[in-house]
Amino acid sequence: GEARETWLTGAEEAEDRASAEAALAEYRRDGGEAAESFLGSLAAETK
């Protein structure tokens, strides 16, 4: 049971890493906006 849980956790973490890497590649490819800048503009808009 412990081995199964360790394997499943590792598989989920690998999937999360792959998803994060794909998102970062998309951000770099499409010239995304830095989080700090984006959140700052949201704060200004909200205010």
ModelCIF file with pLDDT and N, C-alpha, C, O atoms, coordinates in Angstrom:
data_MODEL
#
_entry.id   MODEL 
#
_entity.id                         1 
_entity.type                       polymer 
_entity.pdbx_number_of_molecules   1 
#
_entity_poly.entity_id                      1 
_entity_poly.type                           'polypeptide(L)' 
_entity_poly.nstd_linkage                   no 
_entity_poly.nstd_monomer                   no 
_entity_poly.pdbx_seq_one_letter_code       GEARETWLTGAEEAEDRASAEAALAEYRRDGGEAAESFLGSLAAETK 
_entity_poly.pdbx_seq_one_letter_code_can   GEARETWLTGAEEAEDRASAEAALAEYRRDGGEAAESFLGSLAAETK 
_entity_poly.pdbx_strand_id                 A 
#
loop_
_entity_poly_seq.entity_id 
_entity_poly_seq.num 
_entity_poly_seq.mon_id 
_entity_poly_seq.hetero 
1 1  GLY n 
1 2  GLU n 
1 3  ALA n 
1 4  ARG n 
1 5  GLU n 
1 6  THR n 
1 7  TRP n 
1 8  LEU n 
1 9  THR n 
1 10 GLY n 
1 11 ALA n 
1 12 GLU n 
1 13 GLU n 
1 14 ALA n 
1 15 GLU n 
1 16 ASP n 
1 17 ARG n 
1 18 ALA n 
1 19 SER n 
1 20 ALA n 
1 21 GLU n 
1 22 ALA n 
1 23 ALA n 
1 24 LEU n 
1 25 ALA n 
1 26 GLU n 
1 27 TYR n 
1 28 ARG n 
1 29 ARG n 
1 30 ASP n 
1 31 GLY n 
1 32 GLY n 
1 33 GLU n 
1 34 ALA n 
1 35 ALA n 
1 36 GLU n 
1 37 SER n 
1 38 PHE n 
1 39 LEU n 
1 40 GLY n 
1 41 SER n 
1 42 LEU n 
1 43 ALA n 
1 44 ALA n 
1 45 GLU n 
1 46 THR n 
1 47 LYS n 
#
_struct_asym.id          A 
_struct_asym.entity_id   1 
#
loop_
_ma_qa_metric.id 
_ma_qa_metric.mode 
_ma_qa_metric.name 
_ma_qa_metric.software_group_id 
_ma_qa_metric.type 
1 global pLDDT . pLDDT 
2 local  pLDDT . pLDDT 
#
_ma_qa_metric_global.metric_id      1 
_ma_qa_metric_global.metric_value   92.06 
_ma_qa_metric_global.model_id       1 
_ma_qa_metric_global.ordinal_id     1 
#
loop_
_ma_qa_metric_local.label_asym_id 
_ma_qa_metric_local.label_comp_id 
_ma_qa_metric_local.label_seq_id 
_ma_qa_metric_local.metric_id 
_ma_qa_metric_local.metric_value 
_ma_qa_metric_local.model_id 
_ma_qa_metric_local.ordinal_id 
A GLY 1  2 94.00 1 1  
A GLU 2  2 95.00 1 2  
A ALA 3  2 95.00 1 3  
A ARG 4  2 94.00 1 4  
A GLU 5  2 97.00 1 5  
A THR 6  2 97.00 1 6  
A TRP 7  2 97.00 1 7  
A LEU 8  2 97.00 1 8  
A THR 9  2 97.00 1 9  
A GLY 10 2 97.00 1 10 
A ALA 11 2 97.00 1 11 
A GLU 12 2 97.00 1 12 
A GLU 13 2 97.00 1 13 
A ALA 14 2 97.00 1 14 
A GLU 15 2 97.00 1 15 
A ASP 16 2 96.00 1 16 
A ARG 17 2 96.00 1 17 
A ALA 18 2 96.00 1 18 
A SER 19 2 96.00 1 19 
A ALA 20 2 95.00 1 20 
A GLU 21 2 95.00 1 21 
A ALA 22 2 95.00 1 22 
A ALA 23 2 91.00 1 23 
A LEU 24 2 90.00 1 24 
A ALA 25 2 92.00 1 25 
A GLU 26 2 91.00 1 26 
A TYR 27 2 86.00 1 27 
A ARG 28 2 87.00 1 28 
A ARG 29 2 91.00 1 29 
A ASP 30 2 89.00 1 30 
A GLY 31 2 83.00 1 31 
A GLY 32 2 79.00 1 32 
A GLU 33 2 82.00 1 33 
A ALA 34 2 82.00 1 34 
A ALA 35 2 84.00 1 35 
A GLU 36 2 89.00 1 36 
A SER 37 2 88.00 1 37 
A PHE 38 2 87.00 1 38 
A LEU 39 2 92.00 1 39 
A GLY 40 2 92.00 1 40 
A SER 41 2 91.00 1 41 
A LEU 42 2 92.00 1 42 
A ALA 43 2 92.00 1 43 
A ALA 44 2 92.00 1 44 
A GLU 45 2 91.00 1 45 
A THR 46 2 91.00 1 46 
A LYS 47 2 89.00 1 47 
#
loop_
_atom_site.group_PDB 
_atom_site.id 
_atom_site.type_symbol 
_atom_site.label_atom_id 
_atom_site.label_alt_id 
_atom_site.label_comp_id 
_atom_site.label_asym_id 
_atom_site.label_entity_id 
_atom_site.label_seq_id 
_atom_site.pdbx_PDB_ins_code 
_atom_site.Cartn_x 
_atom_site.Cartn_y 
_atom_site.Cartn_z 
_atom_site.occupancy 
_atom_site.B_iso_or_equiv 
_atom_site.pdbx_formal_charge 
_atom_site.auth_seq_id 
_atom_site.auth_comp_id 
_atom_site.auth_asym_id 
_atom_site.auth_atom_id 
_atom_site.pdbx_PDB_model_num 
ATOM 1   N N  . GLY A 1 1  ? 0.819   -1.213 0.000   1.00 94.00 ? 1  GLY A N  1 
ATOM 2   C CA . GLY A 1 1  ? 0.000   0.000  0.000   1.00 94.00 ? 1  GLY A CA 1 
ATOM 3   C C  . GLY A 1 1  ? 0.850   1.260  0.000   1.00 94.00 ? 1  GLY A C  1 
ATOM 4   O O  . GLY A 1 1  ? 0.557   2.219  -0.714  1.00 94.00 ? 1  GLY A O  1 
ATOM 5   N N  . GLU A 1 2  ? 1.910   1.252  0.809   1.00 95.00 ? 2  GLU A N  1 
ATOM 6   C CA . GLU A 1 2  ? 2.824   2.394  0.844   1.00 95.00 ? 2  GLU A CA 1 
ATOM 7   C C  . GLU A 1 2  ? 3.525   2.579  -0.504  1.00 95.00 ? 2  GLU A C  1 
ATOM 8   O O  . GLU A 1 2  ? 3.685   3.703  -0.978  1.00 95.00 ? 2  GLU A O  1 
ATOM 9   N N  . ALA A 1 3  ? 3.937   1.480  -1.110  1.00 95.00 ? 3  ALA A N  1 
ATOM 10  C CA . ALA A 1 3  ? 4.591   1.551  -2.423  1.00 95.00 ? 3  ALA A CA 1 
ATOM 11  C C  . ALA A 1 3  ? 3.622   2.105  -3.468  1.00 95.00 ? 3  ALA A C  1 
ATOM 12  O O  . ALA A 1 3  ? 4.006   2.918  -4.309  1.00 95.00 ? 3  ALA A O  1 
ATOM 13  N N  . ARG A 1 4  ? 2.382   1.668  -3.412  1.00 94.00 ? 4  ARG A N  1 
ATOM 14  C CA . ARG A 1 4  ? 1.372   2.155  -4.362  1.00 94.00 ? 4  ARG A CA 1 
ATOM 15  C C  . ARG A 1 4  ? 1.150   3.656  -4.177  1.00 94.00 ? 4  ARG A C  1 
ATOM 16  O O  . ARG A 1 4  ? 1.102   4.397  -5.158  1.00 94.00 ? 4  ARG A O  1 
ATOM 17  N N  . GLU A 1 5  ? 1.014   4.107  -2.937  1.00 97.00 ? 5  GLU A N  1 
ATOM 18  C CA . GLU A 1 5  ? 0.814   5.531  -2.668  1.00 97.00 ? 5  GLU A CA 1 
ATOM 19  C C  . GLU A 1 5  ? 2.015   6.357  -3.117  1.00 97.00 ? 5  GLU A C  1 
ATOM 20  O O  . GLU A 1 5  ? 1.850   7.440  -3.680  1.00 97.00 ? 5  GLU A O  1 
ATOM 21  N N  . THR A 1 6  ? 3.213   5.856  -2.873  1.00 97.00 ? 6  THR A N  1 
ATOM 22  C CA . THR A 1 6  ? 4.428   6.555  -3.306  1.00 97.00 ? 6  THR A CA 1 
ATOM 23  C C  . THR A 1 6  ? 4.460   6.664  -4.820  1.00 97.00 ? 6  THR A C  1 
ATOM 24  O O  . THR A 1 6  ? 4.800   7.718  -5.358  1.00 97.00 ? 6  THR A O  1 
ATOM 25  N N  . TRP A 1 7  ? 4.110   5.588  -5.514  1.00 97.00 ? 7  TRP A N  1 
ATOM 26  C CA . TRP A 1 7  ? 4.090   5.600  -6.966  1.00 97.00 ? 7  TRP A CA 1 
ATOM 27  C C  . TRP A 1 7  ? 3.053   6.589  -7.494  1.00 97.00 ? 7  TRP A C  1 
ATOM 28  O O  . TRP A 1 7  ? 3.344   7.362  -8.407  1.00 97.00 ? 7  TRP A O  1 
ATOM 29  N N  . LEU A 1 8  ? 1.844   6.570  -6.924  1.00 97.00 ? 8  LEU A N  1 
ATOM 30  C CA . LEU A 1 8  ? 0.795   7.481  -7.382  1.00 97.00 ? 8  LEU A CA 1 
ATOM 31  C C  . LEU A 1 8  ? 1.178   8.939  -7.135  1.00 97.00 ? 8  LEU A C  1 
ATOM 32  O O  . LEU A 1 8  ? 0.957   9.792  -7.995  1.00 97.00 ? 8  LEU A O  1 
ATOM 33  N N  . THR A 1 9  ? 1.747   9.227  -5.975  1.00 97.00 ? 9  THR A N  1 
ATOM 34  C CA . THR A 1 9  ? 2.181   10.588 -5.667  1.00 97.00 ? 9  THR A CA 1 
ATOM 35  C C  . THR A 1 9  ? 3.247   11.038 -6.656  1.00 97.00 ? 9  THR A C  1 
ATOM 36  O O  . THR A 1 9  ? 3.196   12.162 -7.154  1.00 97.00 ? 9  THR A O  1 
ATOM 37  N N  . GLY A 1 10 ? 4.205   10.173 -6.942  1.00 97.00 ? 10 GLY A N  1 
ATOM 38  C CA . GLY A 1 10 ? 5.247   10.495 -7.913  1.00 97.00 ? 10 GLY A CA 1 
ATOM 39  C C  . GLY A 1 10 ? 4.681   10.746 -9.300  1.00 97.00 ? 10 GLY A C  1 
ATOM 40  O O  . GLY A 1 10 ? 5.117   11.662 -9.997  1.00 97.00 ? 10 GLY A O  1 
ATOM 41  N N  . ALA A 1 11 ? 3.711   9.936  -9.701  1.00 97.00 ? 11 ALA A N  1 
ATOM 42  C CA . ALA A 1 11 ? 3.083   10.105 -11.010 1.00 97.00 ? 11 ALA A CA 1 
ATOM 43  C C  . ALA A 1 11 ? 2.330   11.431 -11.082 1.00 97.00 ? 11 ALA A C  1 
ATOM 44  O O  . ALA A 1 11 ? 2.388   12.124 -12.098 1.00 97.00 ? 11 ALA A O  1 
ATOM 45  N N  . GLU A 1 12 ? 1.626   11.787 -10.009 1.00 97.00 ? 12 GLU A N  1 
ATOM 46  C CA . GLU A 1 12 ? 0.900   13.055 -9.979  1.00 97.00 ? 12 GLU A CA 1 
ATOM 47  C C  . GLU A 1 12 ? 1.863   14.236 -10.011 1.00 97.00 ? 12 GLU A C  1 
ATOM 48  O O  . GLU A 1 12 ? 1.617   15.226 -10.701 1.00 97.00 ? 12 GLU A O  1 
ATOM 49  N N  . GLU A 1 13 ? 2.960   14.130 -9.263  1.00 97.00 ? 13 GLU A N  1 
ATOM 50  C CA . GLU A 1 13 ? 3.946   15.209 -9.250  1.00 97.00 ? 13 GLU A CA 1 
ATOM 51  C C  . GLU A 1 13 ? 4.601   15.363 -10.618 1.00 97.00 ? 13 GLU A C  1 
ATOM 52  O O  . GLU A 1 13 ? 4.860   16.484 -11.058 1.00 97.00 ? 13 GLU A O  1 
ATOM 53  N N  . ALA A 1 14 ? 4.869   14.258 -11.288 1.00 97.00 ? 14 ALA A N  1 
ATOM 54  C CA . ALA A 1 14 ? 5.450   14.321 -12.630 1.00 97.00 ? 14 ALA A CA 1 
ATOM 55  C C  . ALA A 1 14 ? 4.474   14.979 -13.600 1.00 97.00 ? 14 ALA A C  1 
ATOM 56  O O  . ALA A 1 14 ? 4.883   15.763 -14.456 1.00 97.00 ? 14 ALA A O  1 
ATOM 57  N N  . GLU A 1 15 ? 3.206   14.671 -13.472 1.00 97.00 ? 15 GLU A N  1 
ATOM 58  C CA . GLU A 1 15 ? 2.184   15.287 -14.318 1.00 97.00 ? 15 GLU A CA 1 
ATOM 59  C C  . GLU A 1 15 ? 2.097   16.786 -14.046 1.00 97.00 ? 15 GLU A C  1 
ATOM 60  O O  . GLU A 1 15 ? 1.968   17.584 -14.975 1.00 97.00 ? 15 GLU A O  1 
ATOM 61  N N  . ASP A 1 16 ? 2.167   17.166 -12.772 1.00 96.00 ? 16 ASP A N  1 
ATOM 62  C CA . ASP A 1 16 ? 2.138   18.589 -12.410 1.00 96.00 ? 16 ASP A CA 1 
ATOM 63  C C  . ASP A 1 16 ? 3.352   19.327 -12.975 1.00 96.00 ? 16 ASP A C  1 
ATOM 64  O O  . ASP A 1 16 ? 3.234   20.444 -13.479 1.00 96.00 ? 16 ASP A O  1 
ATOM 65  N N  . ARG A 1 17 ? 4.527   18.683 -12.883 1.00 96.00 ? 17 ARG A N  1 
ATOM 66  C CA . ARG A 1 17 ? 5.751   19.307 -13.430 1.00 96.00 ? 17 ARG A CA 1 
ATOM 67  C C  . ARG A 1 17 ? 5.633   19.497 -14.933 1.00 96.00 ? 17 ARG A C  1 
ATOM 68  O O  . ARG A 1 17 ? 5.998   20.545 -15.464 1.00 96.00 ? 17 ARG A O  1 
ATOM 69  N N  . ALA A 1 18 ? 5.122   18.478 -15.616 1.00 96.00 ? 18 ALA A N  1 
ATOM 70  C CA . ALA A 1 18 ? 4.966   18.571 -17.071 1.00 96.00 ? 18 ALA A CA 1 
ATOM 71  C C  . ALA A 1 18 ? 3.990   19.683 -17.433 1.00 96.00 ? 18 ALA A C  1 
ATOM 72  O O  . ALA A 1 18 ? 4.218   20.422 -18.390 1.00 96.00 ? 18 ALA A O  1 
ATOM 73  N N  . SER A 1 19 ? 2.918   19.806 -16.682 1.00 96.00 ? 19 SER A N  1 
ATOM 74  C CA . SER A 1 19 ? 1.928   20.858 -16.934 1.00 96.00 ? 19 SER A CA 1 
ATOM 75  C C  . SER A 1 19 ? 2.537   22.239 -16.695 1.00 96.00 ? 19 SER A C  1 
ATOM 76  O O  . SER A 1 19 ? 2.312   23.164 -17.476 1.00 96.00 ? 19 SER A O  1 
ATOM 77  N N  . ALA A 1 20 ? 3.307   22.375 -15.614 1.00 95.00 ? 20 ALA A N  1 
ATOM 78  C CA . ALA A 1 20 ? 3.953   23.655 -15.310 1.00 95.00 ? 20 ALA A CA 1 
ATOM 79  C C  . ALA A 1 20 ? 4.983   24.006 -16.383 1.00 95.00 ? 20 ALA A C  1 
ATOM 80  O O  . ALA A 1 20 ? 5.088   25.164 -16.785 1.00 95.00 ? 20 ALA A O  1 
ATOM 81  N N  . GLU A 1 21 ? 5.733   23.023 -16.842 1.00 95.00 ? 21 GLU A N  1 
ATOM 82  C CA . GLU A 1 21 ? 6.729   23.268 -17.894 1.00 95.00 ? 21 GLU A CA 1 
ATOM 83  C C  . GLU A 1 21 ? 6.050   23.687 -19.191 1.00 95.00 ? 21 GLU A C  1 
ATOM 84  O O  . GLU A 1 21 ? 6.551   24.561 -19.899 1.00 95.00 ? 21 GLU A O  1 
ATOM 85  N N  . ALA A 1 22 ? 4.919   23.073 -19.508 1.00 95.00 ? 22 ALA A N  1 
ATOM 86  C CA . ALA A 1 22 ? 4.178   23.446 -20.719 1.00 95.00 ? 22 ALA A CA 1 
ATOM 87  C C  . ALA A 1 22 ? 3.636   24.865 -20.596 1.00 95.00 ? 22 ALA A C  1 
ATOM 88  O O  . ALA A 1 22 ? 3.674   25.631 -21.559 1.00 95.00 ? 22 ALA A O  1 
ATOM 89  N N  . ALA A 1 23 ? 3.133   25.217 -19.419 1.00 91.00 ? 23 ALA A N  1 
ATOM 90  C CA . ALA A 1 23 ? 2.622   26.574 -19.207 1.00 91.00 ? 23 ALA A CA 1 
ATOM 91  C C  . ALA A 1 23 ? 3.747   27.596 -19.321 1.00 91.00 ? 23 ALA A C  1 
ATOM 92  O O  . ALA A 1 23 ? 3.560   28.663 -19.904 1.00 91.00 ? 23 ALA A O  1 
ATOM 93  N N  . LEU A 1 24 ? 4.918   27.273 -18.766 1.00 90.00 ? 24 LEU A N  1 
ATOM 94  C CA . LEU A 1 24 ? 6.055   28.184 -18.852 1.00 90.00 ? 24 LEU A CA 1 
ATOM 95  C C  . LEU A 1 24 ? 6.524   28.339 -20.295 1.00 90.00 ? 24 LEU A C  1 
ATOM 96  O O  . LEU A 1 24 ? 6.875   29.441 -20.718 1.00 90.00 ? 24 LEU A O  1 
ATOM 97  N N  . ALA A 1 25 ? 6.532   27.255 -21.043 1.00 92.00 ? 25 ALA A N  1 
ATOM 98  C CA . ALA A 1 25 ? 6.919   27.325 -22.452 1.00 92.00 ? 25 ALA A CA 1 
ATOM 99  C C  . ALA A 1 25 ? 5.930   28.193 -23.231 1.00 92.00 ? 25 ALA A C  1 
ATOM 100 O O  . ALA A 1 25 ? 6.330   28.975 -24.094 1.00 92.00 ? 25 ALA A O  1 
ATOM 101 N N  . GLU A 1 26 ? 4.646   28.053 -22.926 1.00 91.00 ? 26 GLU A N  1 
ATOM 102 C CA . GLU A 1 26 ? 3.631   28.889 -23.583 1.00 91.00 ? 26 GLU A CA 1 
ATOM 103 C C  . GLU A 1 26 ? 3.823   30.359 -23.210 1.00 91.00 ? 26 GLU A C  1 
ATOM 104 O O  . GLU A 1 26 ? 3.720   31.239 -24.064 1.00 91.00 ? 26 GLU A O  1 
ATOM 105 N N  . TYR A 1 27 ? 4.098   30.616 -21.947 1.00 86.00 ? 27 TYR A N  1 
ATOM 106 C CA . TYR A 1 27 ? 4.344   31.984 -21.474 1.00 86.00 ? 27 TYR A CA 1 
ATOM 107 C C  . TYR A 1 27 ? 5.527   32.599 -22.228 1.00 86.00 ? 27 TYR A C  1 
ATOM 108 O O  . TYR A 1 27 ? 5.456   33.738 -22.688 1.00 86.00 ? 27 TYR A O  1 
ATOM 109 N N  . ARG A 1 28 ? 6.604   31.840 -22.346 1.00 87.00 ? 28 ARG A N  1 
ATOM 110 C CA . ARG A 1 28 ? 7.795   32.347 -23.042 1.00 87.00 ? 28 ARG A CA 1 
ATOM 111 C C  . ARG A 1 28 ? 7.526   32.544 -24.533 1.00 87.00 ? 28 ARG A C  1 
ATOM 112 O O  . ARG A 1 28 ? 7.969   33.528 -25.126 1.00 87.00 ? 28 ARG A O  1 
ATOM 113 N N  . ARG A 1 29 ? 6.806   31.610 -25.129 1.00 91.00 ? 29 ARG A N  1 
ATOM 114 C CA . ARG A 1 29 ? 6.518   31.677 -26.558 1.00 91.00 ? 29 ARG A CA 1 
ATOM 115 C C  . ARG A 1 29 ? 5.603   32.858 -26.902 1.00 91.00 ? 29 ARG A C  1 
ATOM 116 O O  . ARG A 1 29 ? 5.814   33.549 -27.899 1.00 91.00 ? 29 ARG A O  1 
ATOM 117 N N  . ASP A 1 30 ? 4.587   33.077 -26.065 1.00 89.00 ? 30 ASP A N  1 
ATOM 118 C CA . ASP A 1 30 ? 3.577   34.094 -26.367 1.00 89.00 ? 30 ASP A CA 1 
ATOM 119 C C  . ASP A 1 30 ? 3.862   35.452 -25.739 1.00 89.00 ? 30 ASP A C  1 
ATOM 120 O O  . ASP A 1 30 ? 3.060   36.376 -25.872 1.00 89.00 ? 30 ASP A O  1 
ATOM 121 N N  . GLY A 1 31 ? 5.010   35.583 -25.047 1.00 83.00 ? 31 GLY A N  1 
ATOM 122 C CA . GLY A 1 31 ? 5.353   36.873 -24.442 1.00 83.00 ? 31 GLY A CA 1 
ATOM 123 C C  . GLY A 1 31 ? 4.405   37.256 -23.324 1.00 83.00 ? 31 GLY A C  1 
ATOM 124 O O  . GLY A 1 31 ? 3.870   38.365 -23.309 1.00 83.00 ? 31 GLY A O  1 
ATOM 125 N N  . GLY A 1 32 ? 4.199   36.355 -22.401 1.00 79.00 ? 32 GLY A N  1 
ATOM 126 C CA . GLY A 1 32 ? 3.279   36.591 -21.291 1.00 79.00 ? 32 GLY A CA 1 
ATOM 127 C C  . GLY A 1 32 ? 3.718   37.723 -20.380 1.00 79.00 ? 32 GLY A C  1 
ATOM 128 O O  . GLY A 1 32 ? 4.832   38.236 -20.487 1.00 79.00 ? 32 GLY A O  1 
ATOM 129 N N  . GLU A 1 33 ? 2.826   38.096 -19.488 1.00 82.00 ? 33 GLU A N  1 
ATOM 130 C CA . GLU A 1 33 ? 3.062   39.184 -18.549 1.00 82.00 ? 33 GLU A CA 1 
ATOM 131 C C  . GLU A 1 33 ? 3.490   38.597 -17.206 1.00 82.00 ? 33 GLU A C  1 
ATOM 132 O O  . GLU A 1 33 ? 2.943   37.589 -16.757 1.00 82.00 ? 33 GLU A O  1 
ATOM 133 N N  . ALA A 1 34 ? 4.472   39.235 -16.570 1.00 82.00 ? 34 ALA A N  1 
ATOM 134 C CA . ALA A 1 34 ? 4.939   38.779 -15.260 1.00 82.00 ? 34 ALA A CA 1 
ATOM 135 C C  . ALA A 1 34 ? 3.802   38.882 -14.245 1.00 82.00 ? 34 ALA A C  1 
ATOM 136 O O  . ALA A 1 34 ? 2.980   39.796 -14.320 1.00 82.00 ? 34 ALA A O  1 
ATOM 137 N N  . ALA A 1 35 ? 3.757   37.950 -13.303 1.00 84.00 ? 35 ALA A N  1 
ATOM 138 C CA . ALA A 1 35 ? 2.698   37.917 -12.299 1.00 84.00 ? 35 ALA A CA 1 
ATOM 139 C C  . ALA A 1 35 ? 2.619   39.223 -11.522 1.00 84.00 ? 35 ALA A C  1 
ATOM 140 O O  . ALA A 1 35 ? 1.522   39.723 -11.272 1.00 84.00 ? 35 ALA A O  1 
ATOM 141 N N  . GLU A 1 36 ? 3.743   39.777 -11.140 1.00 89.00 ? 36 GLU A N  1 
ATOM 142 C CA . GLU A 1 36 ? 3.748   41.024 -10.360 1.00 89.00 ? 36 GLU A CA 1 
ATOM 143 C C  . GLU A 1 36 ? 3.069   42.151 -11.132 1.00 89.00 ? 36 GLU A C  1 
ATOM 144 O O  . GLU A 1 36 ? 2.277   42.907 -10.569 1.00 89.00 ? 36 GLU A O  1 
ATOM 145 N N  . SER A 1 37 ? 3.373   42.259 -12.395 1.00 88.00 ? 37 SER A N  1 
ATOM 146 C CA . SER A 1 37 ? 2.770   43.291 -13.237 1.00 88.00 ? 37 SER A CA 1 
ATOM 147 C C  . SER A 1 37 ? 1.273   43.045 -13.398 1.00 88.00 ? 37 SER A C  1 
ATOM 148 O O  . SER A 1 37 ? 0.472   43.972 -13.277 1.00 88.00 ? 37 SER A O  1 
ATOM 149 N N  . PHE A 1 38 ? 0.899   41.806 -13.667 1.00 87.00 ? 38 PHE A N  1 
ATOM 150 C CA . PHE A 1 38 ? -0.508  41.461 -13.858 1.00 87.00 ? 38 PHE A CA 1 
ATOM 151 C C  . PHE A 1 38 ? -1.315  41.737 -12.599 1.00 87.00 ? 38 PHE A C  1 
ATOM 152 O O  . PHE A 1 38 ? -2.389  42.336 -12.665 1.00 87.00 ? 38 PHE A O  1 
ATOM 153 N N  . LEU A 1 39 ? -0.801  41.302 -11.448 1.00 92.00 ? 39 LEU A N  1 
ATOM 154 C CA . LEU A 1 39 ? -1.522  41.509 -10.192 1.00 92.00 ? 39 LEU A CA 1 
ATOM 155 C C  . LEU A 1 39 ? -1.597  42.992 -9.841  1.00 92.00 ? 39 LEU A C  1 
ATOM 156 O O  . LEU A 1 39 ? -2.592  43.450 -9.279  1.00 92.00 ? 39 LEU A O  1 
ATOM 157 N N  . GLY A 1 40 ? -0.538  43.747 -10.173 1.00 92.00 ? 40 GLY A N  1 
ATOM 158 C CA . GLY A 1 40 ? -0.564  45.189 -9.945  1.00 92.00 ? 40 GLY A CA 1 
ATOM 159 C C  . GLY A 1 40 ? -1.649  45.858 -10.768 1.00 92.00 ? 40 GLY A C  1 
ATOM 160 O O  . GLY A 1 40 ? -2.343  46.742 -10.266 1.00 92.00 ? 40 GLY A O  1 
ATOM 161 N N  . SER A 1 41 ? -1.811  45.453 -12.027 1.00 91.00 ? 41 SER A N  1 
ATOM 162 C CA . SER A 1 41 ? -2.861  46.046 -12.862 1.00 91.00 ? 41 SER A CA 1 
ATOM 163 C C  . SER A 1 41 ? -4.242  45.655 -12.350 1.00 91.00 ? 41 SER A C  1 
ATOM 164 O O  . SER A 1 41 ? -5.171  46.459 -12.428 1.00 91.00 ? 41 SER A O  1 
ATOM 165 N N  . LEU A 1 42 ? -4.399  44.441 -11.829 1.00 92.00 ? 42 LEU A N  1 
ATOM 166 C CA . LEU A 1 42 ? -5.682  44.046 -11.246 1.00 92.00 ? 42 LEU A CA 1 
ATOM 167 C C  . LEU A 1 42 ? -6.001  44.880 -10.016 1.00 92.00 ? 42 LEU A C  1 
ATOM 168 O O  . LEU A 1 42 ? -7.140  45.302 -9.818  1.00 92.00 ? 42 LEU A O  1 
ATOM 169 N N  . ALA A 1 43 ? -4.986  45.116 -9.193  1.00 92.00 ? 43 ALA A N  1 
ATOM 170 C CA . ALA A 1 43 ? -5.191  45.925 -7.992  1.00 92.00 ? 43 ALA A CA 1 
ATOM 171 C C  . ALA A 1 43 ? -5.598  47.346 -8.365  1.00 92.00 ? 43 ALA A C  1 
ATOM 172 O O  . ALA A 1 43 ? -6.507  47.910 -7.757  1.00 92.00 ? 43 ALA A O  1 
ATOM 173 N N  . ALA A 1 44 ? -4.935  47.926 -9.358  1.00 92.00 ? 44 ALA A N  1 
ATOM 174 C CA . ALA A 1 44 ? -5.273  49.280 -9.793  1.00 92.00 ? 44 ALA A CA 1 
ATOM 175 C C  . ALA A 1 44 ? -6.694  49.326 -10.359 1.00 92.00 ? 44 ALA A C  1 
ATOM 176 O O  . ALA A 1 44 ? -7.443  50.266 -10.094 1.00 92.00 ? 44 ALA A O  1 
ATOM 177 N N  . GLU A 1 45 ? -7.056  48.320 -11.128 1.00 91.00 ? 45 GLU A N  1 
ATOM 178 C CA . GLU A 1 45 ? -8.404  48.265 -11.698 1.00 91.00 ? 45 GLU A CA 1 
ATOM 179 C C  . GLU A 1 45 ? -9.454  48.139 -10.604 1.00 91.00 ? 45 GLU A C  1 
ATOM 180 O O  . GLU A 1 45 ? -10.495 48.794 -10.655 1.00 91.00 ? 45 GLU A O  1 
ATOM 181 N N  . THR A 1 46 ? -9.176  47.292 -9.611  1.00 91.00 ? 46 THR A N  1 
ATOM 182 C CA . THR A 1 46 ? -10.104 47.110 -8.493  1.00 91.00 ? 46 THR A CA 1 
ATOM 183 C C  . THR A 1 46 ? -10.257 48.402 -7.714  1.00 91.00 ? 46 THR A C  1 
ATOM 184 O O  . THR A 1 46 ? -11.370 48.787 -7.355  1.00 91.00 ? 46 THR A O  1 
ATOM 185 N N  . LYS A 1 47 ? -9.143  49.075 -7.450  1.00 89.00 ? 47 LYS A N  1 
ATOM 186 C CA . LYS A 1 47 ? -9.190  50.337 -6.713  1.00 89.00 ? 47 LYS A CA 1 
ATOM 187 C C  . LYS A 1 47 ? -9.987  51.368 -7.482  1.00 89.00 ? 47 LYS A C  1 
ATOM 188 O O  . LYS A 1 47 ? -10.141 52.499 -7.022  1.00 89.00 ? 47 LYS A O  1 
#
